Amino acid sequence: MTTDTLAQVSAVGRYFAVSCGPRTDAADFLPLTDLYGEQAVLEGAVEAVGLRLGTDQRRVAASTLHIGTAARLWSVALAVTALTGEVPDLAPERLWWRAAQSGPIDLWLPERVAAARGDEVPDALYESVVVRNLLPLDEAMRRHFRLSPQVLRGNAAATLVGAVHTLDARAPDAPHPPLPLVTALLEREPLKSAGTLTVHPLAYRRRNCCLYYRVPGVGYCDECVLNREKAPA
C-alpha cells in the first residue's frame, strides 16, 4: 500500500484519513492493541468521549467510541480495497491511534502495510477488520462496560454500510466497486443478524440501537430500530 494510495483514501473524508511514516508527534499515539487490551487505556478513552458528549452514561460513551472506531476501520479498509483491489492488513499492533479533539480518532501507520492474506477479498476484509480488530474490541467493551452483543454487532454493520455510502458518493469511479463486498460481509456473523440491507436505494435498518439518542440534545439515527419516522412502510 503506497503513500499515494493512502493520500487518495484520506481525501475521501475524515473517517478515511490515515497517515503513514515518521511523525514528529508519534509519542501521542498508541497501538490499537492497547485500546483493546489495556483496561486503563480503554476507560480513559471512554471517559474522554463522555466528557466531549456531555454525558455521564458510560455505556453511551463506550458505544460511541466503539461505533467511531468501527467506522474508521471499515472506511480505511473498504477505500483501499475499492481503489487497489487489495485488502490492507490492519493488524492492531501496526495500526496506531490517538483521541482527537473532535470527531473520529486519528489513525497512523508507522510503517507501510502489506496486503492482507486471503483467497477471496471478502475473506481478507473479514479477517483484517472483524477478526483482528472488532472482535477483541467487542470483548473489551462487553467486559468493562457491559455493552450487549446486539449493540456491538449493530454498530459494526451500520458503520460498514455508512462507509460504502460515502465511497459511492465521493469515489463513484473506484475501479473495484465496494457494494458487492459489503453485501457479502453482511451475510456473515456477527454482522448478518444485526439488521437489514436495502440495495436500491442503499439503506440499512438496524435491529438494535447504538444508545446515542441518550446524549443530551440529539435524536435517533436514521438506521435506528427506534426511529419510527424511518421505519419501513
Protein backbone atom coordinates (compact mmCIF):
# COMPACT_ATOMS: atom_id res chain seq x y z
CA MET A 1 0.00 0.00 0.00
CA THR A 2 1.72 3.14 -1.24
CA THR A 3 1.64 6.63 0.20
CA ASP A 4 -0.19 7.75 -2.94
CA THR A 5 -2.95 5.24 -2.20
CA LEU A 6 -3.23 6.46 1.38
CA ALA A 7 -3.44 10.05 0.13
CA GLN A 8 -6.33 9.06 -2.16
CA VAL A 9 -8.03 7.24 0.69
CA SER A 10 -7.59 10.15 3.08
CA ALA A 11 -9.08 12.55 0.53
CA VAL A 12 -12.42 10.70 0.63
CA GLY A 13 -13.25 12.15 4.06
CA ARG A 14 -12.20 12.44 7.67
CA TYR A 15 -13.25 8.89 8.56
CA PHE A 16 -10.93 7.64 5.82
CA ALA A 17 -7.85 9.64 6.80
CA VAL A 18 -4.74 7.70 7.79
CA SER A 19 -1.12 8.81 7.80
CA CYS A 20 1.96 6.69 7.18
CA GLY A 21 5.62 7.03 8.03
CA PRO A 22 7.53 9.08 10.63
CA ARG A 23 5.67 11.74 12.64
CA THR A 24 7.01 14.40 14.98
CA ASP A 25 4.08 13.75 17.34
CA ALA A 26 4.47 9.96 17.42
CA ALA A 27 4.54 9.98 21.24
CA ASP A 28 0.85 10.95 21.24
CA PHE A 29 -0.17 7.65 19.61
CA LEU A 30 -0.68 4.13 20.96
CA PRO A 31 -1.15 0.84 19.10
CA LEU A 32 -4.73 -0.34 18.84
CA THR A 33 -3.72 -3.39 20.87
CA ASP A 34 -3.53 -1.07 23.89
CA LEU A 35 -7.08 0.17 23.32
CA TYR A 36 -8.35 -3.40 23.15
CA GLY A 37 -6.17 -4.95 25.83
CA GLU A 38 -5.37 -2.29 28.44
CA GLN A 39 -8.34 -1.52 30.69
CA ALA A 40 -6.96 1.85 31.81
CA VAL A 41 -6.42 2.98 28.22
CA LEU A 42 -9.93 1.97 27.15
CA GLU A 43 -11.57 3.52 30.19
CA GLY A 44 -9.64 6.75 29.65
CA ALA A 45 -10.77 6.89 26.04
CA VAL A 46 -14.40 6.27 27.01
CA GLU A 47 -14.24 8.92 29.72
CA ALA A 48 -12.89 11.44 27.20
CA VAL A 49 -15.75 10.67 24.81
CA GLY A 50 -18.27 11.09 27.62
CA LEU A 51 -16.86 14.50 28.53
CA ARG A 52 -16.98 15.59 24.91
CA LEU A 53 -20.58 14.44 24.54
CA GLY A 54 -21.68 15.91 27.85
CA THR A 55 -22.94 12.61 29.27
CA ASP A 56 -22.02 10.65 32.39
CA GLN A 57 -23.56 7.44 31.00
CA ARG A 58 -20.55 5.21 30.47
CA ARG A 59 -22.36 2.75 28.20
CA VAL A 60 -23.39 5.57 25.87
CA ALA A 61 -19.83 6.88 25.69
CA ALA A 62 -18.45 3.37 25.21
CA SER A 63 -20.85 2.63 22.36
CA THR A 64 -19.99 5.96 20.73
CA LEU A 65 -16.27 5.16 20.90
CA HIS A 66 -16.97 1.69 19.52
CA ILE A 67 -19.03 2.91 16.58
CA GLY A 68 -16.46 5.59 15.76
CA THR A 69 -13.61 3.07 15.82
CA ALA A 70 -15.54 0.58 13.68
CA ALA A 71 -16.33 3.35 11.20
CA ARG A 72 -12.64 4.28 10.91
CA LEU A 73 -11.55 0.69 10.34
CA TRP A 74 -14.21 -0.10 7.75
CA SER A 75 -13.64 3.19 5.94
CA VAL A 76 -9.90 2.70 5.52
CA ALA A 77 -10.19 -0.99 4.62
CA LEU A 78 -13.01 -0.52 2.09
CA ALA A 79 -11.45 2.52 0.45
CA VAL A 80 -8.06 0.86 -0.05
CA THR A 81 -9.79 -2.21 -1.46
CA ALA A 82 -12.01 -0.16 -3.78
CA LEU A 83 -9.06 1.79 -5.13
CA THR A 84 -6.48 -1.01 -5.43
CA GLY A 85 -8.28 -4.35 -5.29
CA GLU A 86 -6.10 -5.33 -2.33
CA VAL A 87 -7.15 -5.50 1.31
CA PRO A 88 -4.83 -3.73 3.78
CA ASP A 89 -3.55 -5.78 6.69
CA LEU A 90 -4.80 -3.62 9.58
CA ALA A 91 -3.15 -5.65 12.32
CA PRO A 92 -3.80 -3.77 15.59
CA GLU A 93 -0.17 -3.90 16.65
CA ARG A 94 0.78 -1.98 13.49
CA LEU A 95 -2.12 0.48 13.35
CA TRP A 96 -1.79 3.26 15.94
CA TRP A 97 -4.42 5.70 17.23
CA ARG A 98 -4.97 8.77 19.35
CA ALA A 99 -8.04 10.62 20.53
CA ALA A 100 -8.98 13.70 18.51
CA GLN A 101 -10.26 17.00 19.85
CA SER A 102 -13.47 16.35 17.93
CA GLY A 103 -14.72 13.76 15.51
CA PRO A 104 -13.18 10.34 14.87
CA ILE A 105 -9.94 9.01 16.29
CA ASP A 106 -6.70 9.71 14.41
CA LEU A 107 -5.04 6.71 12.75
CA TRP A 108 -1.37 6.27 11.89
CA LEU A 109 0.65 3.51 10.28
CA PRO A 110 4.29 3.89 11.38
CA GLU A 111 5.33 1.56 8.56
CA ARG A 112 3.89 0.72 5.17
CA VAL A 113 1.30 -2.06 5.33
CA ALA A 114 1.15 -5.05 3.03
CA ALA A 115 -1.97 -6.66 1.63
CA ALA A 116 -3.88 -8.98 3.93
CA ARG A 117 -3.82 -12.68 3.18
CA GLY A 118 -6.93 -14.45 1.93
CA ASP A 119 -8.05 -16.39 -1.11
CA GLU A 120 -11.08 -14.13 -1.54
CA VAL A 121 -11.37 -10.40 -0.92
CA PRO A 122 -14.38 -10.68 1.45
CA ASP A 123 -12.44 -13.26 3.50
CA ALA A 124 -9.46 -10.93 3.76
CA LEU A 125 -11.65 -7.96 4.71
CA TYR A 126 -13.42 -10.00 7.37
CA GLU A 127 -10.10 -11.17 8.80
CA SER A 128 -8.49 -7.72 8.75
CA VAL A 129 -11.34 -5.75 10.29
CA VAL A 130 -13.64 -8.14 12.17
CA VAL A 131 -11.29 -10.84 13.43
CA ARG A 132 -8.18 -8.77 14.05
CA ASN A 133 -9.90 -5.67 15.44
CA LEU A 134 -13.62 -5.68 16.13
CA LEU A 135 -13.86 -9.00 17.97
CA PRO A 136 -11.19 -8.07 20.56
CA LEU A 137 -12.67 -4.58 20.89
CA ASP A 138 -16.14 -6.09 21.35
CA GLU A 139 -14.89 -8.41 24.06
CA ALA A 140 -13.33 -5.50 25.95
CA MET A 141 -16.50 -3.42 25.60
CA ARG A 142 -18.63 -6.25 26.97
CA ARG A 143 -16.29 -6.95 29.86
CA HIS A 144 -15.70 -3.41 31.06
CA PHE A 145 -18.90 -1.59 30.02
CA ARG A 146 -21.48 -4.36 29.69
CA LEU A 147 -22.42 -3.40 26.16
CA SER A 148 -24.67 -6.05 24.66
CA PRO A 149 -23.60 -8.13 21.66
CA GLN A 150 -26.65 -6.77 19.81
CA VAL A 151 -25.47 -3.17 20.17
CA LEU A 152 -21.93 -4.08 19.12
CA ARG A 153 -22.91 -6.06 16.04
CA GLY A 154 -25.33 -3.29 15.04
CA ASN A 155 -22.55 -0.72 15.34
CA ALA A 156 -20.25 -2.83 13.17
CA ALA A 157 -22.85 -3.44 10.46
CA ALA A 158 -24.19 0.12 10.34
CA THR A 159 -20.71 1.64 10.02
CA LEU A 160 -19.87 -0.81 7.22
CA VAL A 161 -22.89 0.41 5.27
CA GLY A 162 -22.04 4.00 6.15
CA ALA A 163 -18.57 3.57 4.67
CA VAL A 164 -19.91 2.28 1.35
CA HIS A 165 -22.46 5.13 1.28
CA THR A 166 -19.63 7.66 1.48
CA LEU A 167 -17.49 5.84 -1.06
CA ASP A 168 -20.37 5.72 -3.53
CA ALA A 169 -20.86 9.46 -3.16
CA ARG A 170 -17.24 10.61 -3.12
CA ALA A 171 -15.39 7.95 -5.11
CA PRO A 172 -18.04 6.70 -7.56
CA ASP A 173 -15.45 5.71 -10.17
CA ALA A 174 -13.40 3.46 -7.89
CA PRO A 175 -12.14 0.57 -10.07
CA HIS A 176 -13.28 -2.11 -7.61
CA PRO A 177 -16.91 -1.42 -6.55
CA PRO A 178 -17.26 -1.93 -2.78
CA LEU A 179 -21.00 -2.70 -2.59
CA PRO A 180 -20.70 -6.39 -3.59
CA LEU A 181 -18.10 -6.79 -0.85
CA VAL A 182 -20.39 -5.19 1.70
CA THR A 183 -23.31 -7.41 0.80
CA ALA A 184 -21.04 -10.46 1.14
CA LEU A 185 -19.77 -9.30 4.52
CA LEU A 186 -23.31 -8.72 5.78
CA GLU A 187 -24.01 -12.40 5.16
CA ARG A 188 -21.52 -13.31 7.89
CA GLU A 189 -21.94 -13.24 11.63
CA PRO A 190 -21.80 -11.20 13.75
CA LEU A 191 -22.99 -8.80 11.04
CA LYS A 192 -25.75 -10.93 9.50
CA SER A 193 -28.18 -10.76 12.41
CA ALA A 194 -27.70 -7.02 13.04
CA GLY A 195 -30.20 -5.61 10.56
CA THR A 196 -31.49 -5.48 7.01
CA LEU A 197 -29.78 -4.01 3.94
CA THR A 198 -31.75 -2.48 1.06
CA VAL A 199 -29.69 -2.01 -2.11
CA HIS A 200 -31.99 0.12 -4.27
CA PRO A 201 -31.85 2.69 -2.80
CA LEU A 202 -28.97 1.86 -0.49
CA ALA A 203 -30.24 1.89 3.09
CA TYR A 204 -29.81 -0.06 6.30
CA ARG A 205 -32.19 -0.76 9.17
CA ARG A 206 -30.74 -1.93 12.48
CA ARG A 207 -32.47 -4.37 14.80
CA ASN A 208 -30.93 -2.56 17.76
CA CYS A 209 -29.82 0.88 18.96
CA CYS A 210 -26.37 2.39 19.47
CA LEU A 211 -27.64 4.39 22.52
CA TYR A 212 -26.57 7.72 21.03
CA TYR A 213 -30.09 9.12 21.41
CA ARG A 214 -29.37 9.35 25.15
CA VAL A 215 -26.86 12.16 24.56
CA PRO A 216 -28.48 15.47 25.51
CA GLY A 217 -29.96 17.32 22.56
CA VAL A 218 -29.73 14.57 19.90
CA GLY A 219 -32.31 12.27 18.35
CA TYR A 220 -32.36 8.86 16.73
CA CYS A 221 -30.00 7.83 13.94
CA ASP A 222 -31.60 7.19 10.54
CA GLU A 223 -30.98 3.43 10.72
CA CYS A 224 -32.04 3.01 14.38
CA VAL A 225 -34.73 0.49 15.21
CA LEU A 226 -36.32 3.13 17.48
CA ASN A 227 -36.64 5.69 14.67
CA ARG A 228 -40.29 5.31 13.64
CA GLU A 229 -40.01 8.06 11.03
CA LYS A 230 -37.55 5.91 9.10
CA ALA A 231 -39.37 2.63 9.67
CA PRO A 232 -40.23 0.61 6.54
CA ALA A 233 -43.77 1.08 5.27
